[in-house]
PDB file of N, CA and C in Angstrom:
ATOM      1  N   MET A   1      -5.057 -12.971  24.466  1.00  0.00           N
ATOM      2  CA  MET A   1      -4.446 -13.060  23.157  1.00  0.00           C
ATOM      3  C   MET A   1      -4.350 -11.670  22.560  1.00  0.00           C
ATOM      4  N   HIS A   2      -3.329 -11.495  21.801  1.00  0.00           N
ATOM      5  CA  HIS A   2      -3.029 -10.154  21.225  1.00  0.00           C
ATOM      6  C   HIS A   2      -4.082  -9.717  20.244  1.00  0.00           C
ATOM      7  N   HIS A   3      -4.621 -10.630  19.420  1.00  0.00           N
ATOM      8  CA  HIS A   3      -5.602 -10.235  18.492  1.00  0.00           C
ATOM      9  C   HIS A   3      -6.812  -9.645  19.115  1.00  0.00           C
ATOM     10  N   ARG A   4      -7.213 -10.197  20.234  1.00  0.00           N
ATOM     11  CA  ARG A   4      -8.366  -9.720  21.038  1.00  0.00           C
ATOM     12  C   ARG A   4      -8.075  -8.306  21.549  1.00  0.00           C
ATOM     13  N   GLU A   5      -6.931  -8.182  22.097  1.00  0.00           N
ATOM     14  CA  GLU A   5      -6.509  -6.886  22.619  1.00  0.00           C
ATOM     15  C   GLU A   5      -6.464  -5.796  21.548  1.00  0.00           C
ATOM     16  N   ILE A   6      -5.953  -6.181  20.433  1.00  0.00           N
ATOM     17  CA  ILE A   6      -5.901  -5.207  19.319  1.00  0.00           C
ATOM     18  C   ILE A   6      -7.332  -4.847  18.906  1.00  0.00           C
ATOM     19  N   ALA A   7      -8.208  -5.774  18.825  1.00  0.00           N
ATOM     20  CA  ALA A   7      -9.606  -5.538  18.451  1.00  0.00           C
ATOM     21  C   ALA A   7     -10.258  -4.563  19.438  1.00  0.00           C
ATOM     22  N   GLU A   8     -10.014  -4.826  20.782  1.00  0.00           N
ATOM     23  CA  GLU A   8     -10.562  -3.910  21.799  1.00  0.00           C
ATOM     24  C   GLU A   8     -10.079  -2.511  21.661  1.00  0.00           C
ATOM     25  N   ILE A   9      -8.736  -2.341  21.530  1.00  0.00           N
ATOM     26  CA  ILE A   9      -8.088  -1.006  21.339  1.00  0.00           C
ATOM     27  C   ILE A   9      -8.617  -0.362  20.133  1.00  0.00           C
ATOM     28  N   TRP A  10      -8.733  -1.049  19.020  1.00  0.00           N
ATOM     29  CA  TRP A  10      -9.246  -0.456  17.789  1.00  0.00           C
ATOM     30  C   TRP A  10     -10.709  -0.057  17.940  1.00  0.00           C
ATOM     31  N   GLU A  11     -11.565  -0.893  18.532  1.00  0.00           N
ATOM     32  CA  GLU A  11     -12.929  -0.549  18.755  1.00  0.00           C
ATOM     33  C   GLU A  11     -13.084   0.713  19.595  1.00  0.00           C
ATOM     34  N   ALA A  12     -12.286   0.870  20.642  1.00  0.00           N
ATOM     35  CA  ALA A  12     -12.299   2.032  21.516  1.00  0.00           C
ATOM     36  C   ALA A  12     -11.864   3.272  20.702  1.00  0.00           C
ATOM     37  N   PHE A  13     -10.824   3.102  19.852  1.00  0.00           N
ATOM     38  CA  PHE A  13     -10.407   4.179  18.972  1.00  0.00           C
ATOM     39  C   PHE A  13     -11.500   4.652  18.059  1.00  0.00           C
ATOM     40  N   LEU A  14     -12.261   3.719  17.496  1.00  0.00           N
ATOM     41  CA  LEU A  14     -13.357   4.083  16.578  1.00  0.00           C
ATOM     42  C   LEU A  14     -14.532   4.726  17.243  1.00  0.00           C
ATOM     43  N   GLN A  15     -14.659   4.509  18.518  1.00  0.00           N
ATOM     44  CA  GLN A  15     -15.790   5.138  19.299  1.00  0.00           C
ATOM     45  C   GLN A  15     -15.530   6.673  19.638  1.00  0.00           C
ATOM     46  N   LYS A  16     -14.276   7.092  19.407  1.00  0.00           N
ATOM     47  CA  LYS A  16     -13.930   8.500  19.654  1.00  0.00           C
ATOM     48  C   LYS A  16     -14.842   9.436  18.718  1.00  0.00           C
ATOM     49  N   ASP A  17     -14.968  10.675  19.087  1.00  0.00           N
ATOM     50  CA  ASP A  17     -15.783  11.542  18.338  1.00  0.00           C
ATOM     51  C   ASP A  17     -15.329  11.671  16.893  1.00  0.00           C
ATOM     52  N   GLU A  18     -14.048  11.897  16.696  1.00  0.00           N
ATOM     53  CA  GLU A  18     -13.558  12.003  15.279  1.00  0.00           C
ATOM     54  C   GLU A  18     -12.187  11.274  15.207  1.00  0.00           C
ATOM     55  N   PRO A  19     -12.240   9.936  14.978  1.00  0.00           N
ATOM     56  CA  PRO A  19     -11.079   9.129  14.907  1.00  0.00           C
ATOM     57  C   PRO A  19     -10.264   9.449  13.616  1.00  0.00           C
ATOM     58  N   TYR A  20     -10.907  10.003  12.642  1.00  0.00           N
ATOM     59  CA  TYR A  20     -10.126  10.280  11.345  1.00  0.00           C
ATOM     60  C   TYR A  20     -10.304  11.730  10.971  1.00  0.00           C
ATOM     61  N   SER A  21      -9.358  12.282  10.253  1.00  0.00           N
ATOM     62  CA  SER A  21      -9.395  13.577   9.604  1.00  0.00           C
ATOM     63  C   SER A  21      -9.321  13.335   8.030  1.00  0.00           C
ATOM     64  N   THR A  22     -10.111  14.060   7.329  1.00  0.00           N
ATOM     65  CA  THR A  22     -10.027  13.960   5.883  1.00  0.00           C
ATOM     66  C   THR A  22      -9.610  15.291   5.310  1.00  0.00           C
ATOM     67  N   VAL A  23      -8.669  15.270   4.327  1.00  0.00           N
ATOM     68  CA  VAL A  23      -8.213  16.480   3.713  1.00  0.00           C
ATOM     69  C   VAL A  23      -8.214  16.272   2.216  1.00  0.00           C
ATOM     70  N   VAL A  24      -8.805  17.284   1.492  1.00  0.00           N
ATOM     71  CA  VAL A  24      -8.959  17.221   0.037  1.00  0.00           C
ATOM     72  C   VAL A  24      -8.005  18.218  -0.535  1.00  0.00           C
ATOM     73  N   TYR A  25      -7.149  17.816  -1.438  1.00  0.00           N
ATOM     74  CA  TYR A  25      -6.221  18.709  -2.172  1.00  0.00           C
ATOM     75  C   TYR A  25      -6.642  18.797  -3.645  1.00  0.00           C
ATOM     76  N   VAL A  26      -6.672  19.955  -4.274  1.00  0.00           N
ATOM     77  CA  VAL A  26      -6.887  20.095  -5.671  1.00  0.00           C
ATOM     78  C   VAL A  26      -5.804  20.950  -6.208  1.00  0.00           C
ATOM     79  N   ASP A  27      -5.032  20.518  -7.145  1.00  0.00           N
ATOM     80  CA  ASP A  27      -3.971  21.275  -7.753  1.00  0.00           C
ATOM     81  C   ASP A  27      -4.546  22.265  -8.772  1.00  0.00           C
ATOM     82  N   HIS A  28      -3.649  23.146  -9.289  1.00  0.00           N
ATOM     83  CA  HIS A  28      -4.118  24.194 -10.217  1.00  0.00           C
ATOM     84  C   HIS A  28      -4.612  23.555 -11.525  1.00  0.00           C
ATOM     85  N   ASP A  29      -4.090  22.370 -11.878  1.00  0.00           N
ATOM     86  CA  ASP A  29      -4.495  21.786 -13.125  1.00  0.00           C
ATOM     87  C   ASP A  29      -5.775  20.887 -12.985  1.00  0.00           C
ATOM     88  N   GLY A  30      -6.407  20.955 -11.814  1.00  0.00           N
ATOM     89  CA  GLY A  30      -7.597  20.186 -11.545  1.00  0.00           C
ATOM     90  C   GLY A  30      -7.421  18.799 -11.012  1.00  0.00           C
ATOM     91  N   GLU A  31      -6.167  18.327 -10.931  1.00  0.00           N
ATOM     92  CA  GLU A  31      -5.915  17.008 -10.409  1.00  0.00           C
ATOM     93  C   GLU A  31      -5.984  17.122  -8.887  1.00  0.00           C
ATOM     94  N   GLY A  32      -6.398  16.079  -8.188  1.00  0.00           N
ATOM     95  CA  GLY A  32      -6.517  16.167  -6.815  1.00  0.00           C
ATOM     96  C   GLY A  32      -6.359  14.802  -6.127  1.00  0.00           C
ATOM     97  N   ARG A  33      -6.453  14.919  -4.782  1.00  0.00           N
ATOM     98  CA  ARG A  33      -6.340  13.690  -4.023  1.00  0.00           C
ATOM     99  C   ARG A  33      -7.076  13.863  -2.662  1.00  0.00           C
ATOM    100  N   ILE A  34      -7.447  12.821  -2.096  1.00  0.00           N
ATOM    101  CA  ILE A  34      -8.104  12.869  -0.744  1.00  0.00           C
ATOM    102  C   ILE A  34      -7.162  12.063   0.158  1.00  0.00           C
ATOM    103  N   SER A  35      -6.814  12.674   1.274  1.00  0.00           N
ATOM    104  CA  SER A  35      -5.990  12.049   2.310  1.00  0.00           C
ATOM    105  C   SER A  35      -6.799  11.787   3.531  1.00  0.00           C
ATOM    106  N   VAL A  36      -6.672  10.677   4.117  1.00  0.00           N
ATOM    107  CA  VAL A  36      -7.368  10.285   5.351  1.00  0.00           C
ATOM    108  C   VAL A  36      -6.310  10.053   6.459  1.00  0.00           C
ATOM    109  N   TYR A  37      -6.361  10.657   7.615  1.00  0.00           N
ATOM    110  CA  TYR A  37      -5.439  10.551   8.630  1.00  0.00           C
ATOM    111  C   TYR A  37      -6.116  10.046   9.887  1.00  0.00           C
ATOM    112  N   ALA A  38      -5.518   9.154  10.620  1.00  0.00           N
ATOM    113  CA  ALA A  38      -6.021   8.746  11.919  1.00  0.00           C
ATOM    114  C   ALA A  38      -5.516   9.751  12.933  1.00  0.00           C
ATOM    115  N   ASN A  39      -6.468  10.122  13.813  1.00  0.00           N
ATOM    116  CA  ASN A  39      -6.156  11.094  14.893  1.00  0.00           C
ATOM    117  C   ASN A  39      -5.778  10.381  16.156  1.00  0.00           C
ATOM    118  N   ASP A  40      -4.591  10.597  16.564  1.00  0.00           N
ATOM    119  CA  ASP A  40      -4.117  10.099  17.841  1.00  0.00           C
ATOM    120  C   ASP A  40      -4.312   8.541  18.110  1.00  0.00           C
ATOM    121  N   LEU A  41      -3.638   7.792  17.251  1.00  0.00           N
ATOM    122  CA  LEU A  41      -3.717   6.343  17.428  1.00  0.00           C
ATOM    123  C   LEU A  41      -3.196   5.963  18.773  1.00  0.00           C
ATOM    124  N   PRO A  42      -3.766   5.089  19.493  1.00  0.00           N
ATOM    125  CA  PRO A  42      -3.252   4.752  20.821  1.00  0.00           C
ATOM    126  C   PRO A  42      -1.893   4.032  20.720  1.00  0.00           C
ATOM    127  N   ASP A  43      -0.963   4.428  21.598  1.00  0.00           N
ATOM    128  CA  ASP A  43       0.338   3.724  21.635  1.00  0.00           C
ATOM    129  C   ASP A  43       0.255   2.277  21.887  1.00  0.00           C
ATOM    130  N   GLU A  44      -0.779   1.881  22.598  1.00  0.00           N
ATOM    131  CA  GLU A  44      -0.947   0.448  22.888  1.00  0.00           C
ATOM    132  C   GLU A  44      -1.166  -0.386  21.686  1.00  0.00           C
ATOM    133  N   LEU A  45      -1.758   0.223  20.689  1.00  0.00           N
ATOM    134  CA  LEU A  45      -2.081  -0.487  19.470  1.00  0.00           C
ATOM    135  C   LEU A  45      -0.797  -0.882  18.777  1.00  0.00           C
ATOM    136  N   SER A  46       0.225  -0.088  18.622  1.00  0.00           N
ATOM    137  CA  SER A  46       1.494  -0.464  18.075  1.00  0.00           C
ATOM    138  C   SER A  46       2.240  -1.481  18.871  1.00  0.00           C
ATOM    139  N   LEU A  47       2.114  -1.340  20.180  1.00  0.00           N
ATOM    140  CA  LEU A  47       2.736  -2.301  21.147  1.00  0.00           C
ATOM    141  C   LEU A  47       2.170  -3.688  20.932  1.00  0.00           C
ATOM    142  N   GLU A  48       0.871  -3.766  20.916  1.00  0.00           N
ATOM    143  CA  GLU A  48       0.202  -5.072  20.791  1.00  0.00           C
ATOM    144  C   GLU A  48       0.453  -5.685  19.393  1.00  0.00           C
ATOM    145  N   PHE A  49       0.367  -4.825  18.363  1.00  0.00           N
ATOM    146  CA  PHE A  49       0.652  -5.304  17.047  1.00  0.00           C
ATOM    147  C   PHE A  49       2.108  -5.852  16.830  1.00  0.00           C
ATOM    148  N   GLY A  50       2.994  -5.113  17.433  1.00  0.00           N
ATOM    149  CA  GLY A  50       4.470  -5.560  17.402  1.00  0.00           C
ATOM    150  C   GLY A  50       4.656  -6.845  18.097  1.00  0.00           C
ATOM    151  N   GLU A  51       3.965  -7.000  19.256  1.00  0.00           N
ATOM    152  CA  GLU A  51       4.091  -8.241  19.967  1.00  0.00           C
ATOM    153  C   GLU A  51       3.454  -9.425  19.167  1.00  0.00           C
ATOM    154  N   LEU A  52       2.364  -9.140  18.535  1.00  0.00           N
ATOM    155  CA  LEU A  52       1.705 -10.154  17.715  1.00  0.00           C
ATOM    156  C   LEU A  52       2.658 -10.615  16.574  1.00  0.00           C
ATOM    157  N   LEU A  53       3.261  -9.643  15.893  1.00  0.00           N
ATOM    158  CA  LEU A  53       4.264  -9.998  14.825  1.00  0.00           C
ATOM    159  C   LEU A  53       5.385 -10.739  15.307  1.00  0.00           C
ATOM    160  N   TYR A  54       5.953 -10.377  16.490  1.00  0.00           N
ATOM    161  CA  TYR A  54       7.062 -11.038  17.152  1.00  0.00           C
ATOM    162  C   TYR A  54       6.693 -12.529  17.376  1.00  0.00           C
ATOM    163  N   GLN A  55       5.515 -12.721  17.930  1.00  0.00           N
ATOM    164  CA  GLN A  55       5.122 -14.127  18.242  1.00  0.00           C
ATOM    165  C   GLN A  55       4.863 -14.920  17.001  1.00  0.00           C
ATOM    166  N   LEU A  56       4.344 -14.276  15.908  1.00  0.00           N
ATOM    167  CA  LEU A  56       4.126 -14.977  14.649  1.00  0.00           C
ATOM    168  C   LEU A  56       5.506 -15.417  14.056  1.00  0.00           C
ATOM    169  N   ARG A  57       6.517 -14.521  14.200  1.00  0.00           N
ATOM    170  CA  ARG A  57       7.835 -14.906  13.698  1.00  0.00           C
ATOM    171  C   ARG A  57       8.457 -15.970  14.491  1.00  0.00           C
ATOM    172  N   ALA A  58       8.266 -16.035  15.814  1.00  0.00           N
ATOM    173  CA  ALA A  58       8.819 -17.062  16.658  1.00  0.00           C
ATOM    174  C   ALA A  58       8.132 -18.353  16.296  1.00  0.00           C
ATOM    175  N   THR A  59       6.882 -18.348  16.005  1.00  0.00           N
ATOM    176  CA  THR A  59       6.105 -19.602  15.562  1.00  0.00           C
ATOM    177  C   THR A  59       6.707 -20.125  14.240  1.00  0.00           C
ATOM    178  N   LEU A  60       6.945 -19.209  13.276  1.00  0.00           N
ATOM    179  CA  LEU A  60       7.510 -19.596  12.008  1.00  0.00           C
ATOM    180  C   LEU A  60       8.858 -20.221  12.146  1.00  0.00           C
ATOM    181  N   ASP A  61       9.699 -19.595  13.041  1.00  0.00           N
ATOM    182  CA  ASP A  61      11.020 -20.132  13.311  1.00  0.00           C
ATOM    183  C   ASP A  61      10.981 -21.523  13.821  1.00  0.00           C
ATOM    184  N   SER A  62      10.048 -21.738  14.701  1.00  0.00           N
ATOM    185  CA  SER A  62       9.900 -23.089  15.362  1.00  0.00           C
ATOM    186  C   SER A  62       9.401 -24.057  14.291  1.00  0.00           C
ATOM    187  N   LEU A  63       8.473 -23.669  13.457  1.00  0.00           N
ATOM    188  CA  LEU A  63       8.022 -24.525  12.373  1.00  0.00           C
ATOM    189  C   LEU A  63       9.073 -24.918  11.453  1.00  0.00           C
ATOM    190  N   VAL A  64       9.940 -23.960  10.995  1.00  0.00           N
ATOM    191  CA  VAL A  64      11.008 -24.262  10.074  1.00  0.00           C
ATOM    192  C   VAL A  64      12.002 -25.234  10.716  1.00  0.00           C
ATOM    193  N   TYR A  65      12.250 -25.076  12.048  1.00  0.00           N
ATOM    194  CA  TYR A  65      13.176 -26.037  12.743  1.00  0.00           C
ATOM    195  C   TYR A  65      12.513 -27.380  12.792  1.00  0.00           C
ATOM    196  N   GLU A  66      11.262 -27.533  13.078  1.00  0.00           N
ATOM    197  CA  GLU A  66      10.655 -28.827  13.127  1.00  0.00           C
ATOM    198  C   GLU A  66      10.640 -29.454  11.708  1.00  0.00           C
ATOM    199  N   LEU A  67      10.375 -28.698  10.697  1.00  0.00           N
ATOM    200  CA  LEU A  67      10.471 -29.207   9.339  1.00  0.00           C
ATOM    201  C   LEU A  67      11.832 -29.720   8.989  1.00  0.00           C
ATOM    202  N   ALA A  68      12.913 -29.051   9.480  1.00  0.00           N
ATOM    203  CA  ALA A  68      14.267 -29.413   9.262  1.00  0.00           C
ATOM    204  C   ALA A  68      14.496 -30.739   9.917  1.00  0.00           C
ATOM    205  N   ILE A  69      14.005 -30.985  11.125  1.00  0.00           N
ATOM    206  CA  ILE A  69      14.117 -32.251  11.787  1.00  0.00           C
ATOM    207  C   ILE A  69      13.485 -33.365  11.050  1.00  0.00           C
ATOM    208  N   ILE A  70      12.333 -33.098  10.514  1.00  0.00           N
ATOM    209  CA  ILE A  70      11.560 -34.139   9.745  1.00  0.00           C
ATOM    210  C   ILE A  70      12.300 -34.444   8.492  1.00  0.00           C
ATOM    211  N   ASP A  71      12.889 -33.400   7.881  1.00  0.00           N
ATOM    212  CA  ASP A  71      13.538 -33.585   6.549  1.00  0.00           C
ATOM    213  C   ASP A  71      14.877 -34.368   6.706  1.00  0.00           C
ATOM    214  N   SER A  72      15.631 -34.015   7.832  1.00  0.00           N
ATOM    215  CA  SER A  72      16.949 -34.629   7.960  1.00  0.00           C
ATOM    216  C   SER A  72      16.832 -35.969   8.750  1.00  0.00           C
ATOM    217  N   GLY A  73      15.720 -36.120   9.546  1.00  0.00           N
ATOM    218  CA  GLY A  73      15.604 -37.302  10.351  1.00  0.00           C
ATOM    219  C   GLY A  73      16.426 -37.218  11.613  1.00  0.00           C
ATOM    220  N   GLN A  74      16.979 -36.062  11.978  1.00  0.00           N
ATOM    221  CA  GLN A  74      17.828 -35.955  13.051  1.00  0.00           C
ATOM    222  C   GLN A  74      17.431 -34.735  13.947  1.00  0.00           C
ATOM    223  N   ASP A  75      17.607 -34.857  15.221  1.00  0.00           N
ATOM    224  CA  ASP A  75      17.339 -33.700  16.127  1.00  0.00           C
ATOM    225  C   ASP A  75      18.570 -33.524  17.034  1.00  0.00           C
ATOM    226  N   PRO A  76      19.423 -32.441  16.817  1.00  0.00           N
ATOM    227  CA  PRO A  76      19.115 -31.367  15.850  1.00  0.00           C
ATOM    228  C   PRO A  76      19.403 -31.756  14.490  1.00  0.00           C
ATOM    229  N   PRO A  77      18.793 -30.981  13.503  1.00  0.00           N
ATOM    230  CA  PRO A  77      19.003 -31.323  12.109  1.00  0.00           C
ATOM    231  C   PRO A  77      20.427 -31.320  11.712  1.00  0.00           C
ATOM    232  N   ALA A  78      20.749 -32.069  10.655  1.00  0.00           N
ATOM    233  CA  ALA A  78      22.096 -32.362  10.211  1.00  0.00           C
ATOM    234  C   ALA A  78      22.916 -31.034   9.930  1.00  0.00           C
ATOM    235  N   ARG A  79      22.247 -30.118   9.305  1.00  0.00           N
ATOM    236  CA  ARG A  79      22.932 -28.907   8.945  1.00  0.00           C
ATOM    237  C   ARG A  79      22.594 -27.646   9.827  1.00  0.00           C
ATOM    238  N   CYS A  80      22.195 -27.922  11.003  1.00  0.00           N
ATOM    239  CA  CYS A  80      21.816 -26.890  12.015  1.00  0.00           C
ATOM    240  C   CYS A  80      22.946 -26.000  12.246  1.00  0.00           C
ATOM    241  N   GLY A  81      22.704 -24.652  12.137  1.00  0.00           N
ATOM    242  CA  GLY A  81      23.697 -23.607  12.407  1.00  0.00           C
ATOM    243  C   GLY A  81      24.419 -23.179  11.180  1.00  0.00           C
ATOM    244  N   GLU A  82      24.254 -23.803  10.062  1.00  0.00           N
ATOM    245  CA  GLU A  82      24.901 -23.329   8.814  1.00  0.00           C
ATOM    246  C   GLU A  82      24.079 -22.208   8.270  1.00  0.00           C
ATOM    247  N   ALA A  83      24.698 -21.177   7.701  1.00  0.00           N
ATOM    248  CA  ALA A  83      23.987 -20.042   7.091  1.00  0.00           C
ATOM    249  C   ALA A  83      23.970 -20.091   5.607  1.00  0.00           C
TER     250      ALA A  83
END
């Protein structure tokens, strides 16, 4: 499952010596900010996350189609294909 794979990749990333960099900026007027950056996020993380989102969208599409069948009482639904 993708969520387990993401968790494993993330855990391995956090075990690195310095997974994050922190930079503090202070302007001349005394205002400032702190920025935190992830160092070298693994490419596999974005791949697994993208696949997880793709599968969630496919599940939602299927759910909407099933609800349209229930609502119309027909398979395919009466207005299937209309935009």
